[in-house]
């Protein structure tokens, strides 16, 4: 919930990044967070 780096917190972003690939998304993923 803290809007820091996406490798922390309650969301499994590693899984979601693989899913995004599987779904064929070819755009950009922006890191919009507060380090």
ModelCIF file with pLDDT and N, C-alpha, C, O atoms, coordinates in Angstrom:
data_MODEL
#
_entry.id   MODEL 
#
_entity.id                         1 
_entity.type                       polymer 
_entity.pdbx_number_of_molecules   1 
#
_entity_poly.entity_id                      1 
_entity_poly.type                           'polypeptide(L)' 
_entity_poly.nstd_linkage                   no 
_entity_poly.nstd_monomer                   no 
_entity_poly.pdbx_seq_one_letter_code       
;(UNK)(UNK)(UNK)(UNK)(UNK)(UNK)(UNK)(UNK)(UNK)(UNK)(UNK)(UNK)(UNK)(UNK)(UNK)(UNK)
(UNK)(UNK)(UNK)(UNK)(UNK)(UNK)(UNK)(UNK)(UNK)(UNK)(UNK)(UNK)(UNK)(UNK)(UNK)(UNK)
(UNK)(UNK)(UNK)
;
_entity_poly.pdbx_seq_one_letter_code_can   XXXXXXXXXXXXXXXXXXXXXXXXXXXXXXXXXXX 
_entity_poly.pdbx_strand_id                 A 
#
loop_
_entity_poly_seq.entity_id 
_entity_poly_seq.num 
_entity_poly_seq.mon_id 
_entity_poly_seq.hetero 
1 1  UNK n 
1 2  UNK n 
1 3  UNK n 
1 4  UNK n 
1 5  UNK n 
1 6  UNK n 
1 7  UNK n 
1 8  UNK n 
1 9  UNK n 
1 10 UNK n 
1 11 UNK n 
1 12 UNK n 
1 13 UNK n 
1 14 UNK n 
1 15 UNK n 
1 16 UNK n 
1 17 UNK n 
1 18 UNK n 
1 19 UNK n 
1 20 UNK n 
1 21 UNK n 
1 22 UNK n 
1 23 UNK n 
1 24 UNK n 
1 25 UNK n 
1 26 UNK n 
1 27 UNK n 
1 28 UNK n 
1 29 UNK n 
1 30 UNK n 
1 31 UNK n 
1 32 UNK n 
1 33 UNK n 
1 34 UNK n 
1 35 UNK n 
#
_struct_asym.id          A 
_struct_asym.entity_id   1 
#
loop_
_ma_qa_metric.id 
_ma_qa_metric.mode 
_ma_qa_metric.name 
_ma_qa_metric.software_group_id 
_ma_qa_metric.type 
1 global pLDDT . pLDDT 
2 local  pLDDT . pLDDT 
#
_ma_qa_metric_global.metric_id      1 
_ma_qa_metric_global.metric_value   96.97 
_ma_qa_metric_global.model_id       1 
_ma_qa_metric_global.ordinal_id     1 
#
loop_
_ma_qa_metric_local.label_asym_id 
_ma_qa_metric_local.label_comp_id 
_ma_qa_metric_local.label_seq_id 
_ma_qa_metric_local.metric_id 
_ma_qa_metric_local.metric_value 
_ma_qa_metric_local.model_id 
_ma_qa_metric_local.ordinal_id 
A UNK 1  2 98.00 1 1  
A UNK 2  2 97.00 1 2  
A UNK 3  2 98.00 1 3  
A UNK 4  2 98.00 1 4  
A UNK 5  2 98.00 1 5  
A UNK 6  2 97.00 1 6  
A UNK 7  2 96.00 1 7  
A UNK 8  2 95.00 1 8  
A UNK 9  2 97.00 1 9  
A UNK 10 2 98.00 1 10 
A UNK 11 2 98.00 1 11 
A UNK 12 2 97.00 1 12 
A UNK 13 2 96.00 1 13 
A UNK 14 2 96.00 1 14 
A UNK 15 2 97.00 1 15 
A UNK 16 2 97.00 1 16 
A UNK 17 2 96.00 1 17 
A UNK 18 2 96.00 1 18 
A UNK 19 2 97.00 1 19 
A UNK 20 2 97.00 1 20 
A UNK 21 2 95.00 1 21 
A UNK 22 2 96.00 1 22 
A UNK 23 2 97.00 1 23 
A UNK 24 2 96.00 1 24 
A UNK 25 2 97.00 1 25 
A UNK 26 2 94.00 1 26 
A UNK 27 2 96.00 1 27 
A UNK 28 2 98.00 1 28 
A UNK 29 2 98.00 1 29 
A UNK 30 2 98.00 1 30 
A UNK 31 2 98.00 1 31 
A UNK 32 2 98.00 1 32 
A UNK 33 2 98.00 1 33 
A UNK 34 2 98.00 1 34 
A UNK 35 2 98.00 1 35 
#
loop_
_atom_site.group_PDB 
_atom_site.id 
_atom_site.type_symbol 
_atom_site.label_atom_id 
_atom_site.label_alt_id 
_atom_site.label_comp_id 
_atom_site.label_asym_id 
_atom_site.label_entity_id 
_atom_site.label_seq_id 
_atom_site.pdbx_PDB_ins_code 
_atom_site.Cartn_x 
_atom_site.Cartn_y 
_atom_site.Cartn_z 
_atom_site.occupancy 
_atom_site.B_iso_or_equiv 
_atom_site.pdbx_formal_charge 
_atom_site.auth_seq_id 
_atom_site.auth_comp_id 
_atom_site.auth_asym_id 
_atom_site.auth_atom_id 
_atom_site.pdbx_PDB_model_num 
ATOM 1   N N  . UNK A 1 1  ? 0.781  -1.247  0.000   1.00 98.00 ? 1  UNK A N  1 
ATOM 2   C CA . UNK A 1 1  ? 0.000  0.000   0.000   1.00 98.00 ? 1  UNK A CA 1 
ATOM 3   C C  . UNK A 1 1  ? 0.808  1.290   0.000   1.00 98.00 ? 1  UNK A C  1 
ATOM 4   O O  . UNK A 1 1  ? 0.212  2.366   -0.049  1.00 98.00 ? 1  UNK A O  1 
ATOM 5   N N  . UNK A 1 2  ? 2.142  1.235   0.053   1.00 97.00 ? 2  UNK A N  1 
ATOM 6   C CA . UNK A 1 2  ? 2.923  2.439   0.349   1.00 97.00 ? 2  UNK A CA 1 
ATOM 7   C C  . UNK A 1 2  ? 3.460  3.172   -0.881  1.00 97.00 ? 2  UNK A C  1 
ATOM 8   O O  . UNK A 1 2  ? 4.124  4.199   -0.737  1.00 97.00 ? 2  UNK A O  1 
ATOM 9   N N  . UNK A 1 3  ? 3.192  2.679   -2.059  1.00 98.00 ? 3  UNK A N  1 
ATOM 10  C CA . UNK A 1 3  ? 3.596  3.292   -3.324  1.00 98.00 ? 3  UNK A CA 1 
ATOM 11  C C  . UNK A 1 3  ? 5.113  3.424   -3.458  1.00 98.00 ? 3  UNK A C  1 
ATOM 12  O O  . UNK A 1 3  ? 5.619  4.392   -4.026  1.00 98.00 ? 3  UNK A O  1 
ATOM 13  N N  . UNK A 1 4  ? 5.823  2.437   -2.926  1.00 98.00 ? 4  UNK A N  1 
ATOM 14  C CA . UNK A 1 4  ? 7.265  2.372   -3.130  1.00 98.00 ? 4  UNK A CA 1 
ATOM 15  C C  . UNK A 1 4  ? 7.566  1.382   -4.262  1.00 98.00 ? 4  UNK A C  1 
ATOM 16  O O  . UNK A 1 4  ? 6.707  1.115   -5.102  1.00 98.00 ? 4  UNK A O  1 
ATOM 17  N N  . UNK A 1 5  ? 8.761  0.854   -4.278  1.00 98.00 ? 5  UNK A N  1 
ATOM 18  C CA . UNK A 1 5  ? 9.166  -0.068  -5.333  1.00 98.00 ? 5  UNK A CA 1 
ATOM 19  C C  . UNK A 1 5  ? 8.174  -1.224  -5.470  1.00 98.00 ? 5  UNK A C  1 
ATOM 20  O O  . UNK A 1 5  ? 7.619  -1.685  -4.472  1.00 98.00 ? 5  UNK A O  1 
ATOM 21  N N  . UNK A 1 6  ? 7.950  -1.692  -6.695  1.00 97.00 ? 6  UNK A N  1 
ATOM 22  C CA . UNK A 1 6  ? 6.936  -2.722  -6.913  1.00 97.00 ? 6  UNK A CA 1 
ATOM 23  C C  . UNK A 1 6  ? 7.342  -4.125  -6.474  1.00 97.00 ? 6  UNK A C  1 
ATOM 24  O O  . UNK A 1 6  ? 6.561  -5.061  -6.642  1.00 97.00 ? 6  UNK A O  1 
ATOM 25  N N  . UNK A 1 7  ? 8.534  -4.300  -5.918  1.00 96.00 ? 7  UNK A N  1 
ATOM 26  C CA . UNK A 1 7  ? 8.906  -5.625  -5.423  1.00 96.00 ? 7  UNK A CA 1 
ATOM 27  C C  . UNK A 1 7  ? 8.658  -5.744  -3.926  1.00 96.00 ? 7  UNK A C  1 
ATOM 28  O O  . UNK A 1 7  ? 9.193  -6.644  -3.278  1.00 96.00 ? 7  UNK A O  1 
ATOM 29  N N  . UNK A 1 8  ? 7.844  -4.834  -3.365  1.00 95.00 ? 8  UNK A N  1 
ATOM 30  C CA . UNK A 1 8  ? 7.445  -4.944  -1.968  1.00 95.00 ? 8  UNK A CA 1 
ATOM 31  C C  . UNK A 1 8  ? 5.941  -4.772  -1.857  1.00 95.00 ? 8  UNK A C  1 
ATOM 32  O O  . UNK A 1 8  ? 5.299  -4.218  -2.749  1.00 95.00 ? 8  UNK A O  1 
ATOM 33  N N  . UNK A 1 9  ? 5.387  -5.253  -0.755  1.00 97.00 ? 9  UNK A N  1 
ATOM 34  C CA . UNK A 1 9  ? 3.968  -5.040  -0.516  1.00 97.00 ? 9  UNK A CA 1 
ATOM 35  C C  . UNK A 1 9  ? 3.128  -6.264  -0.820  1.00 97.00 ? 9  UNK A C  1 
ATOM 36  O O  . UNK A 1 9  ? 3.632  -7.384  -0.900  1.00 97.00 ? 9  UNK A O  1 
ATOM 37  N N  . UNK A 1 10 ? 1.831  -6.025  -0.988  1.00 98.00 ? 10 UNK A N  1 
ATOM 38  C CA . UNK A 1 10 ? 0.855  -7.114  -1.009  1.00 98.00 ? 10 UNK A CA 1 
ATOM 39  C C  . UNK A 1 10 ? 0.598  -7.710  -2.382  1.00 98.00 ? 10 UNK A C  1 
ATOM 40  O O  . UNK A 1 10 ? -0.131 -8.696  -2.484  1.00 98.00 ? 10 UNK A O  1 
ATOM 41  N N  . UNK A 1 11 ? 1.164  -7.155  -3.433  1.00 98.00 ? 11 UNK A N  1 
ATOM 42  C CA . UNK A 1 11 ? 0.886  -7.623  -4.787  1.00 98.00 ? 11 UNK A CA 1 
ATOM 43  C C  . UNK A 1 11 ? 2.074  -8.428  -5.322  1.00 98.00 ? 11 UNK A C  1 
ATOM 44  O O  . UNK A 1 11 ? 3.226  -8.020  -5.179  1.00 98.00 ? 11 UNK A O  1 
ATOM 45  N N  . UNK A 1 12 ? 1.782  -9.560  -5.930  1.00 97.00 ? 12 UNK A N  1 
ATOM 46  C CA . UNK A 1 12 ? 2.809  -10.404 -6.550  1.00 97.00 ? 12 UNK A CA 1 
ATOM 47  C C  . UNK A 1 12 ? 3.050  -9.913  -7.981  1.00 97.00 ? 12 UNK A C  1 
ATOM 48  O O  . UNK A 1 12 ? 2.511  -10.464 -8.941  1.00 97.00 ? 12 UNK A O  1 
ATOM 49  N N  . UNK A 1 13 ? 3.860  -8.877  -8.100  1.00 96.00 ? 13 UNK A N  1 
ATOM 50  C CA . UNK A 1 13 ? 4.093  -8.294  -9.413  1.00 96.00 ? 13 UNK A CA 1 
ATOM 51  C C  . UNK A 1 13 ? 4.901  -9.214  -10.327 1.00 96.00 ? 13 UNK A C  1 
ATOM 52  O O  . UNK A 1 13 ? 4.745  -9.142  -11.546 1.00 96.00 ? 13 UNK A O  1 
ATOM 53  N N  . UNK A 1 14 ? 5.742  -10.060 -9.786  1.00 96.00 ? 14 UNK A N  1 
ATOM 54  C CA . UNK A 1 14 ? 6.467  -11.013 -10.639 1.00 96.00 ? 14 UNK A CA 1 
ATOM 55  C C  . UNK A 1 14 ? 5.487  -11.866 -11.429 1.00 96.00 ? 14 UNK A C  1 
ATOM 56  O O  . UNK A 1 14 ? 5.658  -12.077 -12.630 1.00 96.00 ? 14 UNK A O  1 
ATOM 57  N N  . UNK A 1 15 ? 4.472  -12.348 -10.753 1.00 97.00 ? 15 UNK A N  1 
ATOM 58  C CA . UNK A 1 15 ? 3.429  -13.140 -11.423 1.00 97.00 ? 15 UNK A CA 1 
ATOM 59  C C  . UNK A 1 15 ? 2.701  -12.308 -12.467 1.00 97.00 ? 15 UNK A C  1 
ATOM 60  O O  . UNK A 1 15 ? 2.458  -12.772 -13.581 1.00 97.00 ? 15 UNK A O  1 
ATOM 61  N N  . UNK A 1 16 ? 2.352  -11.073 -12.102 1.00 97.00 ? 16 UNK A N  1 
ATOM 62  C CA . UNK A 1 16 ? 1.585  -10.242 -13.026 1.00 97.00 ? 16 UNK A CA 1 
ATOM 63  C C  . UNK A 1 16 ? 2.401  -9.842  -14.246 1.00 97.00 ? 16 UNK A C  1 
ATOM 64  O O  . UNK A 1 16 ? 1.847  -9.730  -15.339 1.00 97.00 ? 16 UNK A O  1 
ATOM 65  N N  . UNK A 1 17 ? 3.702  -9.624  -14.090 1.00 96.00 ? 17 UNK A N  1 
ATOM 66  C CA . UNK A 1 17 ? 4.525  -9.296  -15.252 1.00 96.00 ? 17 UNK A CA 1 
ATOM 67  C C  . UNK A 1 17 ? 4.568  -10.459 -16.234 1.00 96.00 ? 17 UNK A C  1 
ATOM 68  O O  . UNK A 1 17 ? 4.531  -10.249 -17.446 1.00 96.00 ? 17 UNK A O  1 
ATOM 69  N N  . UNK A 1 18 ? 4.644  -11.674 -15.725 1.00 96.00 ? 18 UNK A N  1 
ATOM 70  C CA . UNK A 1 18 ? 4.605  -12.848 -16.606 1.00 96.00 ? 18 UNK A CA 1 
ATOM 71  C C  . UNK A 1 18 ? 3.249  -12.961 -17.294 1.00 96.00 ? 18 UNK A C  1 
ATOM 72  O O  . UNK A 1 18 ? 3.168  -13.300 -18.474 1.00 96.00 ? 18 UNK A O  1 
ATOM 73  N N  . UNK A 1 19 ? 2.194  -12.678 -16.552 1.00 97.00 ? 19 UNK A N  1 
ATOM 74  C CA . UNK A 1 19 ? 0.859  -12.719 -17.135 1.00 97.00 ? 19 UNK A CA 1 
ATOM 75  C C  . UNK A 1 19 ? 0.713  -11.680 -18.240 1.00 97.00 ? 19 UNK A C  1 
ATOM 76  O O  . UNK A 1 19 ? 0.155  -11.970 -19.298 1.00 97.00 ? 19 UNK A O  1 
ATOM 77  N N  . UNK A 1 20 ? 1.212  -10.472 -17.998 1.00 97.00 ? 20 UNK A N  1 
ATOM 78  C CA . UNK A 1 20 ? 1.138  -9.420  -19.010 1.00 97.00 ? 20 UNK A CA 1 
ATOM 79  C C  . UNK A 1 20 ? 1.834  -9.860  -20.292 1.00 97.00 ? 20 UNK A C  1 
ATOM 80  O O  . UNK A 1 20 ? 1.345  -9.598  -21.390 1.00 97.00 ? 20 UNK A O  1 
ATOM 81  N N  . UNK A 1 21 ? 2.970  -10.525 -20.152 1.00 95.00 ? 21 UNK A N  1 
ATOM 82  C CA . UNK A 1 21 ? 3.652  -11.079 -21.323 1.00 95.00 ? 21 UNK A CA 1 
ATOM 83  C C  . UNK A 1 21 ? 2.783  -12.110 -22.021 1.00 95.00 ? 21 UNK A C  1 
ATOM 84  O O  . UNK A 1 21 ? 2.626  -12.080 -23.242 1.00 95.00 ? 21 UNK A O  1 
ATOM 85  N N  . UNK A 1 22 ? 2.225  -13.012 -21.246 1.00 96.00 ? 22 UNK A N  1 
ATOM 86  C CA . UNK A 1 22 ? 1.397  -14.072 -21.809 1.00 96.00 ? 22 UNK A CA 1 
ATOM 87  C C  . UNK A 1 22 ? 0.204  -13.512 -22.568 1.00 96.00 ? 22 UNK A C  1 
ATOM 88  O O  . UNK A 1 22 ? -0.223 -14.080 -23.573 1.00 96.00 ? 22 UNK A O  1 
ATOM 89  N N  . UNK A 1 23 ? -0.327 -12.408 -22.092 1.00 97.00 ? 23 UNK A N  1 
ATOM 90  C CA . UNK A 1 23 ? -1.488 -11.792 -22.726 1.00 97.00 ? 23 UNK A CA 1 
ATOM 91  C C  . UNK A 1 23 ? -1.130 -10.982 -23.961 1.00 97.00 ? 23 UNK A C  1 
ATOM 92  O O  . UNK A 1 23 ? -2.014 -10.472 -24.649 1.00 97.00 ? 23 UNK A O  1 
ATOM 93  N N  . UNK A 1 24 ? 0.154  -10.863 -24.244 1.00 96.00 ? 24 UNK A N  1 
ATOM 94  C CA . UNK A 1 24 ? 0.589  -10.230 -25.481 1.00 96.00 ? 24 UNK A CA 1 
ATOM 95  C C  . UNK A 1 24 ? 0.703  -8.723  -25.442 1.00 96.00 ? 24 UNK A C  1 
ATOM 96  O O  . UNK A 1 24 ? 0.756  -8.084  -26.493 1.00 96.00 ? 24 UNK A O  1 
ATOM 97  N N  . UNK A 1 25 ? 0.742  -8.138  -24.253 1.00 97.00 ? 25 UNK A N  1 
ATOM 98  C CA . UNK A 1 25 ? 0.898  -6.686  -24.157 1.00 97.00 ? 25 UNK A CA 1 
ATOM 99  C C  . UNK A 1 25 ? 2.284  -6.284  -24.637 1.00 97.00 ? 25 UNK A C  1 
ATOM 100 O O  . UNK A 1 25 ? 3.286  -6.824  -24.168 1.00 97.00 ? 25 UNK A O  1 
ATOM 101 N N  . UNK A 1 26 ? 2.347  -5.340  -25.570 1.00 94.00 ? 26 UNK A N  1 
ATOM 102 C CA . UNK A 1 26 ? 3.640  -4.934  -26.127 1.00 94.00 ? 26 UNK A CA 1 
ATOM 103 C C  . UNK A 1 26 ? 3.956  -3.463  -25.866 1.00 94.00 ? 26 UNK A C  1 
ATOM 104 O O  . UNK A 1 26 ? 4.871  -2.906  -26.473 1.00 94.00 ? 26 UNK A O  1 
ATOM 105 N N  . UNK A 1 27 ? 3.196  -2.830  -24.957 1.00 96.00 ? 27 UNK A N  1 
ATOM 106 C CA . UNK A 1 27 ? 3.443  -1.432  -24.632 1.00 96.00 ? 27 UNK A CA 1 
ATOM 107 C C  . UNK A 1 27 ? 4.424  -1.287  -23.483 1.00 96.00 ? 27 UNK A C  1 
ATOM 108 O O  . UNK A 1 27 ? 5.122  -2.229  -23.110 1.00 96.00 ? 27 UNK A O  1 
ATOM 109 N N  . UNK A 1 28 ? 4.457  -0.092  -22.938 1.00 98.00 ? 28 UNK A N  1 
ATOM 110 C CA . UNK A 1 28 ? 5.359  0.213   -21.828 1.00 98.00 ? 28 UNK A CA 1 
ATOM 111 C C  . UNK A 1 28 ? 4.666  -0.022  -20.488 1.00 98.00 ? 28 UNK A C  1 
ATOM 112 O O  . UNK A 1 28 ? 3.449  0.115   -20.363 1.00 98.00 ? 28 UNK A O  1 
ATOM 113 N N  . UNK A 1 29 ? 5.469  -0.376  -19.496 1.00 98.00 ? 29 UNK A N  1 
ATOM 114 C CA . UNK A 1 29 ? 5.032  -0.439  -18.110 1.00 98.00 ? 29 UNK A CA 1 
ATOM 115 C C  . UNK A 1 29 ? 5.799  0.639   -17.354 1.00 98.00 ? 29 UNK A C  1 
ATOM 116 O O  . UNK A 1 29 ? 7.023  0.576   -17.242 1.00 98.00 ? 29 UNK A O  1 
ATOM 117 N N  . UNK A 1 30 ? 5.078  1.625   -16.839 1.00 98.00 ? 30 UNK A N  1 
ATOM 118 C CA . UNK A 1 30 ? 5.721  2.742   -16.161 1.00 98.00 ? 30 UNK A CA 1 
ATOM 119 C C  . UNK A 1 30 ? 5.884  2.468   -14.676 1.00 98.00 ? 30 UNK A C  1 
ATOM 120 O O  . UNK A 1 30 ? 4.952  2.022   -14.007 1.00 98.00 ? 30 UNK A O  1 
ATOM 121 N N  . UNK A 1 31 ? 7.071  2.739   -14.172 1.00 98.00 ? 31 UNK A N  1 
ATOM 122 C CA . UNK A 1 31 ? 7.307  2.668   -12.731 1.00 98.00 ? 31 UNK A CA 1 
ATOM 123 C C  . UNK A 1 31 ? 6.913  3.989   -12.100 1.00 98.00 ? 31 UNK A C  1 
ATOM 124 O O  . UNK A 1 31 ? 7.734  4.899   -11.988 1.00 98.00 ? 31 UNK A O  1 
ATOM 125 N N  . UNK A 1 32 ? 5.660  4.096   -11.688 1.00 98.00 ? 32 UNK A N  1 
ATOM 126 C CA . UNK A 1 32 ? 5.153  5.346   -11.122 1.00 98.00 ? 32 UNK A CA 1 
ATOM 127 C C  . UNK A 1 32 ? 5.088  5.187   -9.602  1.00 98.00 ? 32 UNK A C  1 
ATOM 128 O O  . UNK A 1 32 ? 4.021  4.971   -9.029  1.00 98.00 ? 32 UNK A O  1 
ATOM 129 N N  . UNK A 1 33 ? 6.239  5.299   -8.975  1.00 98.00 ? 33 UNK A N  1 
ATOM 130 C CA . UNK A 1 33 ? 6.299  5.075   -7.532  1.00 98.00 ? 33 UNK A CA 1 
ATOM 131 C C  . UNK A 1 33 ? 7.277  6.033   -6.880  1.00 98.00 ? 33 UNK A C  1 
ATOM 132 O O  . UNK A 1 33 ? 8.082  6.683   -7.547  1.00 98.00 ? 33 UNK A O  1 
ATOM 133 N N  . UNK A 1 34 ? 7.187  6.103   -5.545  1.00 98.00 ? 34 UNK A N  1 
ATOM 134 C CA . UNK A 1 34 ? 8.070  6.961   -4.746  1.00 98.00 ? 34 UNK A CA 1 
ATOM 135 C C  . UNK A 1 34 ? 9.168  6.079   -4.158  1.00 98.00 ? 34 UNK A C  1 
ATOM 136 O O  . UNK A 1 34 ? 8.880  5.269   -3.277  1.00 98.00 ? 34 UNK A O  1 
ATOM 137 N N  . UNK A 1 35 ? 10.392 6.202   -4.605  1.00 98.00 ? 35 UNK A N  1 
ATOM 138 C CA . UNK A 1 35 ? 11.465 5.338   -4.094  1.00 98.00 ? 35 UNK A CA 1 
ATOM 139 C C  . UNK A 1 35 ? 11.637 5.460   -2.585  1.00 98.00 ? 35 UNK A C  1 
ATOM 140 O O  . UNK A 1 35 ? 12.498 4.797   -2.007  1.00 98.00 ? 35 UNK A O  1 
#
